[in-house]
Structure formats: structure tokens, C-alpha cells
């Protein structure tokens, strides 16, 4: 399967844009593939705006995002792999999304081996996200359809465990 990271990142990014906030990424600059001006990092971390008003040529790739932005008036090309993203924050609203937790947990859940089993590997941090769907018996749905009632909706469950 292809990575789900770009889809999850895009969903959060579009949601924040739709709500007209300034999304910023907390990035671990020590991670492989990160390309940011070294002078902007403090203690190995950088907070960088990805608001469409402040970046050019913003692209979402399967393994990273890239764009051009200005630092101290100078244009710089930036590459941020999903593995280097810690949080997606919006200082104007106080929203903080632990993007690394989402991406690593969902990516882990989507990795399967050749026989369809989830590959045995550990996430990079202690957070795990579990998704489940309540099973509805086919009999219940069949009787509902016969009574001209729509089939019951299946409600997914989401649990985040520290």
C-alpha cells in the first residue's frame, strides 16, 4: 500500500486553511531529509509557518512537504519529511495537533505483510491510535431493509492510548 501520511497531513492542512488560521509546524531538524536554514533552529527544533499567504510552490509529496518561504527577507527552499513533524499548531486559536502521533500510528496500522497481516514493528513514541468498527449482523440489516428502514449506520470507534 502507498503511505497514508500525505492524505492525513492534507486533511489537517485543508481543515486549518478552511478555518482561516495560520498553521505552523514544529519540526525536528535533526531528522533525515529536513532542509531548513540552520540558523533558524533553536535546540534542534524550528517553528515554521506553512500558511498559504507566506509560502510559495507548496507541494505535498508522499513522504514530505516542500515549499519556498522567506527567512529574514531571504527566500529559502524548505523540505520537511513527515517523520520530522512533531506538532501542527495554530497560535492564533491555541489549536495544537500532535501530527507525529497521527502519522506514525496510522502509518503503522496501514502496514501489512504479503499475507495481509499487520507487520510487527514498534511505533517511534509511546502513543498508539486504535480504530475499530462495530460489527452489525447481516440479519439486522436484512430485516431493516425488508421493513423499508434504511440499514443501520456503523459507527467507528477511535481510541488514543498513551
N, C-alpha and C. Protein backbone atom coordinates (compact mmCIF):
# COMPACT_ATOMS: atom_id res chain seq x y z
N UNK A 1 0.84 -1.19 0.00
CA UNK A 1 0.00 0.00 0.00
C UNK A 1 0.88 1.25 0.00
N UNK A 2 0.37 2.31 -0.58
CA UNK A 2 1.07 3.58 -0.53
C UNK A 2 0.88 4.20 0.85
N UNK A 3 1.77 5.10 1.21
CA UNK A 3 1.71 5.75 2.51
C UNK A 3 0.45 6.61 2.63
N UNK A 4 -0.12 6.63 3.81
CA UNK A 4 -1.31 7.44 4.08
C UNK A 4 -0.95 8.82 4.61
N UNK A 5 0.33 9.03 4.91
CA UNK A 5 0.78 10.28 5.55
C UNK A 5 0.35 11.53 4.78
N UNK A 6 0.54 11.54 3.49
CA UNK A 6 0.20 12.75 2.73
C UNK A 6 -1.29 13.04 2.79
N UNK A 7 -2.11 12.02 2.87
CA UNK A 7 -3.56 12.21 2.93
C UNK A 7 -3.98 12.78 4.29
N UNK A 8 -3.38 12.26 5.36
CA UNK A 8 -3.69 12.74 6.70
C UNK A 8 -3.21 14.18 6.85
N UNK A 9 -1.98 14.45 6.42
CA UNK A 9 -1.45 15.80 6.51
C UNK A 9 -2.33 16.77 5.72
N UNK A 10 -2.70 16.38 4.50
CA UNK A 10 -3.54 17.23 3.65
C UNK A 10 -4.88 17.52 4.31
N UNK A 11 -5.47 16.53 4.95
CA UNK A 11 -6.76 16.73 5.62
C UNK A 11 -6.65 17.77 6.73
N UNK A 12 -5.64 17.64 7.58
CA UNK A 12 -5.44 18.63 8.64
C UNK A 12 -5.14 20.01 8.06
N UNK A 13 -4.25 20.06 7.10
CA UNK A 13 -3.86 21.33 6.49
C UNK A 13 -5.07 22.03 5.86
N UNK A 14 -5.87 21.31 5.09
CA UNK A 14 -7.05 21.90 4.45
C UNK A 14 -8.08 22.35 5.48
N UNK A 15 -8.25 21.58 6.54
CA UNK A 15 -9.18 21.97 7.59
C UNK A 15 -8.75 23.29 8.24
N UNK A 16 -7.47 23.42 8.52
CA UNK A 16 -6.96 24.65 9.12
C UNK A 16 -7.10 25.82 8.15
N UNK A 17 -6.82 25.59 6.87
CA UNK A 17 -6.99 26.66 5.87
C UNK A 17 -8.45 27.07 5.75
N UNK A 18 -9.34 26.09 5.76
CA UNK A 18 -10.78 26.40 5.67
C UNK A 18 -11.25 27.25 6.84
N UNK A 19 -10.57 27.12 7.97
CA UNK A 19 -10.92 27.89 9.16
C UNK A 19 -10.09 29.16 9.29
N UNK A 20 -9.37 29.51 8.23
CA UNK A 20 -8.61 30.75 8.12
C UNK A 20 -7.68 31.00 9.30
N UNK A 21 -6.90 29.97 9.64
CA UNK A 21 -5.89 30.12 10.69
C UNK A 21 -4.50 29.96 10.07
N UNK A 22 -3.48 30.36 10.80
CA UNK A 22 -2.11 30.27 10.34
C UNK A 22 -1.49 28.98 10.87
N UNK A 23 -1.47 27.91 10.06
CA UNK A 23 -0.87 26.67 10.54
C UNK A 23 0.66 26.77 10.56
N UNK A 24 1.23 26.28 11.65
CA UNK A 24 2.69 26.26 11.79
C UNK A 24 3.10 24.86 12.19
N UNK A 25 4.26 24.47 11.73
CA UNK A 25 4.78 23.14 12.05
C UNK A 25 5.94 23.24 13.03
N UNK A 26 5.92 22.37 14.03
CA UNK A 26 7.08 22.19 14.89
C UNK A 26 7.87 21.04 14.25
N UNK A 27 9.12 21.33 13.88
CA UNK A 27 9.92 20.39 13.11
C UNK A 27 11.20 20.05 13.86
N UNK A 28 11.51 18.76 13.92
CA UNK A 28 12.77 18.28 14.49
C UNK A 28 13.80 18.31 13.37
N UNK A 29 14.70 19.28 13.40
CA UNK A 29 15.66 19.48 12.30
C UNK A 29 16.75 18.42 12.27
N UNK A 30 16.86 17.58 13.31
CA UNK A 30 17.87 16.53 13.32
C UNK A 30 17.45 15.31 12.52
N UNK A 31 16.19 15.26 12.11
CA UNK A 31 15.69 14.10 11.35
C UNK A 31 16.23 14.12 9.92
N UNK A 32 16.46 12.94 9.34
CA UNK A 32 16.98 12.88 7.97
C UNK A 32 16.04 13.53 6.97
N UNK A 33 16.62 14.24 6.01
CA UNK A 33 15.85 14.84 4.93
C UNK A 33 15.33 16.24 5.17
N UNK A 34 15.46 16.74 6.41
CA UNK A 34 14.98 18.09 6.71
C UNK A 34 15.92 19.10 6.06
N UNK A 35 15.33 20.03 5.33
CA UNK A 35 16.11 21.09 4.71
C UNK A 35 15.51 22.43 5.10
N UNK A 36 16.10 23.07 6.11
CA UNK A 36 15.73 24.41 6.56
C UNK A 36 17.02 25.16 6.85
N UNK A 37 17.00 26.48 6.80
CA UNK A 37 18.21 27.23 7.15
C UNK A 37 18.62 26.90 8.59
N UNK A 38 19.87 26.49 8.81
CA UNK A 38 20.29 26.06 10.15
C UNK A 38 20.19 27.15 11.21
N UNK A 39 20.29 28.41 10.83
CA UNK A 39 20.28 29.49 11.82
C UNK A 39 18.91 29.73 12.45
N UNK A 40 17.84 29.15 11.89
CA UNK A 40 16.52 29.37 12.47
C UNK A 40 16.15 28.36 13.54
N UNK A 41 16.93 27.28 13.65
CA UNK A 41 16.63 26.24 14.64
C UNK A 41 17.09 26.65 16.03
N UNK A 42 16.28 26.32 17.02
CA UNK A 42 16.63 26.55 18.42
C UNK A 42 16.51 25.20 19.12
N UNK A 43 17.62 24.74 19.68
CA UNK A 43 17.67 23.43 20.34
C UNK A 43 17.19 22.30 19.43
N UNK A 44 17.53 22.38 18.15
CA UNK A 44 17.19 21.32 17.21
C UNK A 44 15.75 21.32 16.73
N UNK A 45 15.02 22.38 17.05
CA UNK A 45 13.61 22.46 16.68
C UNK A 45 13.35 23.80 16.00
N UNK A 46 12.43 23.79 15.05
CA UNK A 46 12.04 25.03 14.38
C UNK A 46 10.51 25.08 14.31
N UNK A 47 9.97 26.26 14.50
CA UNK A 47 8.54 26.51 14.31
C UNK A 47 8.43 27.30 13.03
N UNK A 48 7.76 26.73 12.03
CA UNK A 48 7.73 27.34 10.71
C UNK A 48 6.29 27.44 10.20
N UNK A 49 5.93 28.62 9.71
CA UNK A 49 4.58 28.84 9.18
C UNK A 49 4.45 28.17 7.82
N UNK A 50 3.33 27.50 7.62
CA UNK A 50 3.03 26.91 6.31
C UNK A 50 1.75 27.51 5.75
N UNK A 51 1.39 28.69 6.25
CA UNK A 51 0.21 29.40 5.76
C UNK A 51 0.42 29.75 4.29
N UNK A 52 -0.61 29.54 3.49
CA UNK A 52 -0.51 29.79 2.05
C UNK A 52 -0.17 31.24 1.73
N UNK A 53 -0.39 32.15 2.68
CA UNK A 53 -0.05 33.56 2.46
C UNK A 53 1.45 33.79 2.52
N UNK A 54 2.17 32.91 3.20
CA UNK A 54 3.60 33.12 3.44
C UNK A 54 4.52 32.17 2.69
N UNK A 55 3.96 31.21 1.98
CA UNK A 55 4.80 30.25 1.26
C UNK A 55 4.45 30.26 -0.23
N UNK A 56 5.40 29.83 -1.03
CA UNK A 56 5.20 29.69 -2.47
C UNK A 56 5.53 28.26 -2.87
N UNK A 57 4.94 27.82 -3.96
CA UNK A 57 5.23 26.49 -4.52
C UNK A 57 5.06 25.38 -3.47
N UNK A 58 4.02 25.49 -2.67
CA UNK A 58 3.76 24.49 -1.63
C UNK A 58 3.35 23.18 -2.30
N UNK A 59 4.07 22.11 -1.99
CA UNK A 59 3.76 20.81 -2.57
C UNK A 59 3.71 19.76 -1.48
N UNK A 60 2.73 18.88 -1.60
CA UNK A 60 2.57 17.77 -0.68
C UNK A 60 2.95 16.50 -1.43
N UNK A 61 4.01 15.85 -0.97
CA UNK A 61 4.54 14.63 -1.58
C UNK A 61 4.16 13.42 -0.72
N UNK A 62 4.36 12.21 -1.23
CA UNK A 62 4.05 11.03 -0.42
C UNK A 62 4.85 10.92 0.88
N UNK A 63 6.08 11.47 0.92
CA UNK A 63 6.91 11.33 2.11
C UNK A 63 7.30 12.65 2.76
N UNK A 64 6.91 13.78 2.16
CA UNK A 64 7.36 15.08 2.67
C UNK A 64 6.51 16.21 2.10
N UNK A 65 6.74 17.41 2.63
CA UNK A 65 6.20 18.62 2.01
C UNK A 65 7.39 19.48 1.62
N UNK A 66 7.19 20.35 0.64
CA UNK A 66 8.24 21.28 0.25
C UNK A 66 7.60 22.59 -0.17
N UNK A 67 8.36 23.67 0.00
CA UNK A 67 7.86 25.00 -0.36
C UNK A 67 9.01 25.99 -0.27
N UNK A 68 8.75 27.18 -0.76
CA UNK A 68 9.69 28.30 -0.65
C UNK A 68 9.07 29.33 0.28
N UNK A 69 9.88 29.85 1.20
CA UNK A 69 9.41 30.87 2.12
C UNK A 69 10.57 31.82 2.42
N UNK A 70 10.28 32.88 3.15
CA UNK A 70 11.32 33.87 3.47
C UNK A 70 11.74 33.78 4.92
N UNK A 71 13.05 33.87 5.12
CA UNK A 71 13.63 33.97 6.45
C UNK A 71 14.51 35.22 6.44
N UNK A 72 14.17 36.18 7.31
CA UNK A 72 14.90 37.45 7.35
C UNK A 72 14.98 38.09 5.96
N UNK A 73 13.89 38.01 5.20
CA UNK A 73 13.81 38.64 3.89
C UNK A 73 14.43 37.85 2.75
N UNK A 74 15.08 36.74 3.06
CA UNK A 74 15.74 35.93 2.03
C UNK A 74 14.91 34.69 1.72
N UNK A 75 14.65 34.45 0.41
CA UNK A 75 13.89 33.27 0.00
C UNK A 75 14.73 32.01 0.21
N UNK A 76 14.09 31.00 0.78
CA UNK A 76 14.75 29.72 1.04
C UNK A 76 13.81 28.59 0.64
N UNK A 77 14.36 27.52 0.08
CA UNK A 77 13.60 26.33 -0.25
C UNK A 77 13.63 25.40 0.97
N UNK A 78 12.47 24.90 1.37
CA UNK A 78 12.32 24.09 2.58
C UNK A 78 11.76 22.72 2.22
N UNK A 79 12.31 21.69 2.85
CA UNK A 79 11.78 20.33 2.73
C UNK A 79 11.57 19.80 4.14
N UNK A 80 10.38 19.28 4.39
CA UNK A 80 10.08 18.72 5.72
C UNK A 80 9.44 17.33 5.53
N UNK A 81 10.18 16.28 5.82
CA UNK A 81 9.59 14.93 5.79
C UNK A 81 8.55 14.78 6.90
N UNK A 82 7.56 13.95 6.67
CA UNK A 82 6.52 13.74 7.68
C UNK A 82 7.12 13.23 8.99
N UNK A 83 8.17 12.41 8.90
CA UNK A 83 8.80 11.85 10.10
C UNK A 83 9.43 12.92 10.97
N UNK A 84 9.68 14.11 10.43
CA UNK A 84 10.29 15.20 11.20
C UNK A 84 9.26 16.13 11.83
N UNK A 85 8.00 15.96 11.48
CA UNK A 85 6.94 16.82 12.01
C UNK A 85 6.54 16.36 13.41
N UNK A 86 6.54 17.31 14.36
CA UNK A 86 6.12 16.98 15.72
C UNK A 86 4.68 17.41 15.97
N UNK A 87 4.42 18.69 15.76
CA UNK A 87 3.08 19.23 16.00
C UNK A 87 2.69 20.19 14.89
N UNK A 88 1.41 20.27 14.67
CA UNK A 88 0.81 21.26 13.78
C UNK A 88 0.06 22.20 14.70
N UNK A 89 0.52 23.45 14.82
CA UNK A 89 -0.05 24.37 15.80
C UNK A 89 -0.60 25.62 15.14
N UNK A 90 -1.54 26.24 15.81
CA UNK A 90 -2.13 27.50 15.36
C UNK A 90 -2.14 28.43 16.56
N UNK A 91 -1.16 29.31 16.60
CA UNK A 91 -1.04 30.20 17.76
C UNK A 91 -2.21 31.16 17.88
N UNK A 92 -2.87 31.48 16.76
CA UNK A 92 -3.99 32.41 16.83
C UNK A 92 -5.25 31.79 17.45
N UNK A 93 -5.33 30.45 17.49
CA UNK A 93 -6.50 29.79 18.09
C UNK A 93 -6.15 28.91 19.28
N UNK A 94 -4.88 28.59 19.43
CA UNK A 94 -4.47 27.69 20.50
C UNK A 94 -4.58 26.22 20.15
N UNK A 95 -4.97 25.90 18.92
CA UNK A 95 -5.09 24.52 18.48
C UNK A 95 -3.68 23.93 18.33
N UNK A 96 -3.50 22.73 18.84
CA UNK A 96 -2.24 22.01 18.68
C UNK A 96 -2.58 20.56 18.32
N UNK A 97 -2.14 20.13 17.17
CA UNK A 97 -2.42 18.77 16.69
C UNK A 97 -1.11 18.00 16.73
N UNK A 98 -1.02 16.92 17.52
CA UNK A 98 0.20 16.12 17.56
C UNK A 98 0.35 15.30 16.28
N UNK A 99 0.75 15.95 15.21
CA UNK A 99 0.78 15.35 13.88
C UNK A 99 1.66 14.11 13.83
N UNK A 100 2.76 14.09 14.57
CA UNK A 100 3.65 12.93 14.57
C UNK A 100 2.92 11.70 15.11
N UNK A 101 2.13 11.89 16.17
CA UNK A 101 1.37 10.78 16.72
C UNK A 101 0.39 10.23 15.69
N UNK A 102 -0.31 11.12 15.01
CA UNK A 102 -1.27 10.69 13.99
C UNK A 102 -0.58 9.95 12.86
N UNK A 103 0.47 10.55 12.33
CA UNK A 103 1.12 9.96 11.17
C UNK A 103 1.79 8.63 11.48
N UNK A 104 2.52 8.53 12.59
CA UNK A 104 3.20 7.28 12.89
C UNK A 104 2.22 6.17 13.26
N UNK A 105 1.18 6.50 14.02
CA UNK A 105 0.22 5.48 14.42
C UNK A 105 -0.61 4.97 13.25
N UNK A 106 -1.07 5.87 12.43
CA UNK A 106 -1.89 5.45 11.29
C UNK A 106 -1.04 4.73 10.25
N UNK A 107 0.16 5.22 10.03
CA UNK A 107 1.07 4.55 9.09
C UNK A 107 1.37 3.14 9.57
N UNK A 108 1.60 2.98 10.87
CA UNK A 108 1.86 1.67 11.45
C UNK A 108 0.66 0.75 11.23
N UNK A 109 -0.53 1.27 11.44
CA UNK A 109 -1.74 0.47 11.29
C UNK A 109 -1.98 0.05 9.85
N UNK A 110 -1.44 0.80 8.91
CA UNK A 110 -1.68 0.51 7.49
C UNK A 110 -0.63 -0.40 6.86
N UNK A 111 0.44 -0.70 7.58
CA UNK A 111 1.47 -1.58 7.03
C UNK A 111 1.07 -3.03 7.22
N UNK A 112 0.96 -3.73 6.14
CA UNK A 112 0.63 -5.14 6.19
C UNK A 112 1.67 -5.93 5.40
N UNK A 113 1.83 -7.19 5.78
CA UNK A 113 2.78 -8.03 5.04
C UNK A 113 2.10 -8.65 3.83
N UNK A 114 2.80 -9.53 3.15
CA UNK A 114 2.27 -10.12 1.91
C UNK A 114 1.02 -10.96 2.13
N UNK A 115 0.79 -11.43 3.36
CA UNK A 115 -0.38 -12.26 3.65
C UNK A 115 -1.54 -11.47 4.24
N UNK A 116 -1.39 -10.13 4.31
CA UNK A 116 -2.47 -9.30 4.81
C UNK A 116 -2.44 -9.05 6.30
N UNK A 117 -1.38 -9.49 6.99
CA UNK A 117 -1.27 -9.28 8.42
C UNK A 117 -0.48 -8.01 8.69
N UNK A 118 -0.82 -7.32 9.77
CA UNK A 118 -0.09 -6.11 10.15
C UNK A 118 1.34 -6.49 10.49
N UNK A 119 2.30 -5.76 9.89
CA UNK A 119 3.70 -6.03 10.15
C UNK A 119 4.01 -5.76 11.61
N UNK A 120 4.88 -6.57 12.19
CA UNK A 120 5.25 -6.43 13.59
C UNK A 120 6.37 -5.42 13.72
N UNK A 121 6.02 -4.18 14.12
CA UNK A 121 7.03 -3.15 14.37
C UNK A 121 6.50 -2.23 15.44
N UNK A 122 7.40 -1.55 16.10
CA UNK A 122 7.03 -0.66 17.19
C UNK A 122 6.96 0.78 16.71
N UNK A 123 5.99 1.58 17.18
CA UNK A 123 5.96 2.99 16.84
C UNK A 123 7.14 3.71 17.48
N UNK A 124 7.47 4.90 16.96
CA UNK A 124 8.62 5.65 17.46
C UNK A 124 8.36 6.27 18.83
N UNK A 125 7.14 6.44 19.23
CA UNK A 125 6.85 7.00 20.54
C UNK A 125 5.85 6.12 21.26
N UNK A 126 5.42 6.55 22.43
CA UNK A 126 4.54 5.73 23.24
C UNK A 126 3.07 5.86 22.87
N UNK A 127 2.72 6.71 21.93
CA UNK A 127 1.33 6.92 21.57
C UNK A 127 0.89 5.88 20.54
N UNK A 128 -0.30 5.34 20.74
CA UNK A 128 -0.86 4.43 19.76
C UNK A 128 -2.30 4.82 19.52
N UNK A 129 -2.73 4.71 18.27
CA UNK A 129 -4.09 5.03 17.91
C UNK A 129 -4.75 3.75 17.41
N UNK A 130 -5.91 3.44 17.94
CA UNK A 130 -6.63 2.24 17.54
C UNK A 130 -7.96 2.62 16.91
N UNK A 131 -8.26 2.03 15.78
CA UNK A 131 -9.53 2.24 15.11
C UNK A 131 -10.27 0.91 15.09
N UNK A 132 -11.57 0.96 15.32
CA UNK A 132 -12.37 -0.25 15.20
C UNK A 132 -13.75 0.13 14.69
N UNK A 133 -14.39 -0.83 14.08
CA UNK A 133 -15.74 -0.61 13.59
C UNK A 133 -16.63 -1.67 14.22
N UNK A 134 -17.72 -1.21 14.82
CA UNK A 134 -18.66 -2.14 15.44
C UNK A 134 -19.28 -3.01 14.37
N UNK A 135 -19.30 -4.31 14.62
CA UNK A 135 -19.88 -5.22 13.63
C UNK A 135 -21.38 -5.25 13.79
N UNK A 136 -22.06 -5.15 12.67
CA UNK A 136 -23.51 -5.20 12.64
C UNK A 136 -23.89 -6.51 11.96
N UNK A 137 -24.76 -7.26 12.55
CA UNK A 137 -25.09 -8.54 11.93
C UNK A 137 -25.88 -8.32 10.64
N UNK A 138 -25.63 -9.17 9.69
CA UNK A 138 -26.31 -9.07 8.39
C UNK A 138 -27.81 -9.26 8.57
N UNK A 139 -28.20 -10.08 9.57
CA UNK A 139 -29.61 -10.32 9.82
C UNK A 139 -30.33 -9.03 10.20
N UNK A 140 -29.70 -8.22 11.07
CA UNK A 140 -30.31 -6.97 11.49
C UNK A 140 -30.54 -6.06 10.29
N UNK A 141 -29.55 -5.95 9.43
CA UNK A 141 -29.68 -5.11 8.25
C UNK A 141 -30.71 -5.65 7.28
N UNK A 142 -30.77 -6.97 7.13
CA UNK A 142 -31.74 -7.57 6.21
C UNK A 142 -33.16 -7.29 6.68
N UNK A 143 -33.42 -7.44 7.99
CA UNK A 143 -34.78 -7.20 8.49
C UNK A 143 -35.14 -5.72 8.39
N UNK A 144 -34.18 -4.83 8.58
CA UNK A 144 -34.45 -3.41 8.45
C UNK A 144 -34.82 -3.06 7.01
N UNK A 145 -34.13 -3.65 6.06
CA UNK A 145 -34.40 -3.36 4.65
C UNK A 145 -35.79 -3.86 4.27
N UNK A 146 -36.16 -5.03 4.79
CA UNK A 146 -37.48 -5.57 4.48
C UNK A 146 -38.59 -4.67 5.04
N UNK A 147 -38.33 -3.99 6.17
CA UNK A 147 -39.32 -3.11 6.77
C UNK A 147 -39.25 -1.71 6.20
N UNK A 148 -38.54 -1.53 5.10
CA UNK A 148 -38.34 -0.24 4.44
C UNK A 148 -37.60 0.76 5.33
N UNK A 149 -36.86 0.28 6.28
CA UNK A 149 -35.99 1.14 7.09
C UNK A 149 -34.60 1.10 6.48
N UNK A 150 -33.91 2.22 6.51
CA UNK A 150 -32.54 2.19 5.97
C UNK A 150 -31.65 1.32 6.85
N UNK A 151 -30.60 0.77 6.27
CA UNK A 151 -29.69 -0.05 7.08
C UNK A 151 -29.08 0.79 8.20
N UNK A 152 -28.77 0.13 9.29
CA UNK A 152 -28.16 0.82 10.42
C UNK A 152 -26.78 1.33 10.02
N UNK A 153 -26.44 2.52 10.51
CA UNK A 153 -25.12 3.07 10.26
C UNK A 153 -24.13 2.42 11.22
N UNK A 154 -22.94 2.17 10.69
CA UNK A 154 -21.88 1.60 11.51
C UNK A 154 -21.05 2.75 12.03
N UNK A 155 -20.86 2.79 13.34
CA UNK A 155 -20.11 3.88 13.96
C UNK A 155 -18.69 3.42 14.27
N UNK A 156 -17.68 4.10 13.70
CA UNK A 156 -16.30 3.73 14.04
C UNK A 156 -15.94 4.24 15.43
N UNK A 157 -15.06 3.54 16.10
CA UNK A 157 -14.56 3.95 17.39
C UNK A 157 -13.11 4.37 17.24
N UNK A 158 -12.72 5.40 17.96
CA UNK A 158 -11.36 5.90 17.92
C UNK A 158 -10.84 5.99 19.34
N UNK A 159 -9.69 5.41 19.59
CA UNK A 159 -9.10 5.45 20.92
C UNK A 159 -7.64 5.81 20.80
N UNK A 160 -7.20 6.79 21.57
CA UNK A 160 -5.79 7.18 21.62
C UNK A 160 -5.26 6.75 22.98
N UNK A 161 -4.22 5.92 22.98
CA UNK A 161 -3.67 5.38 24.21
C UNK A 161 -2.26 5.89 24.40
N UNK A 162 -1.97 6.44 25.58
CA UNK A 162 -0.61 6.87 25.91
C UNK A 162 0.18 5.71 26.46
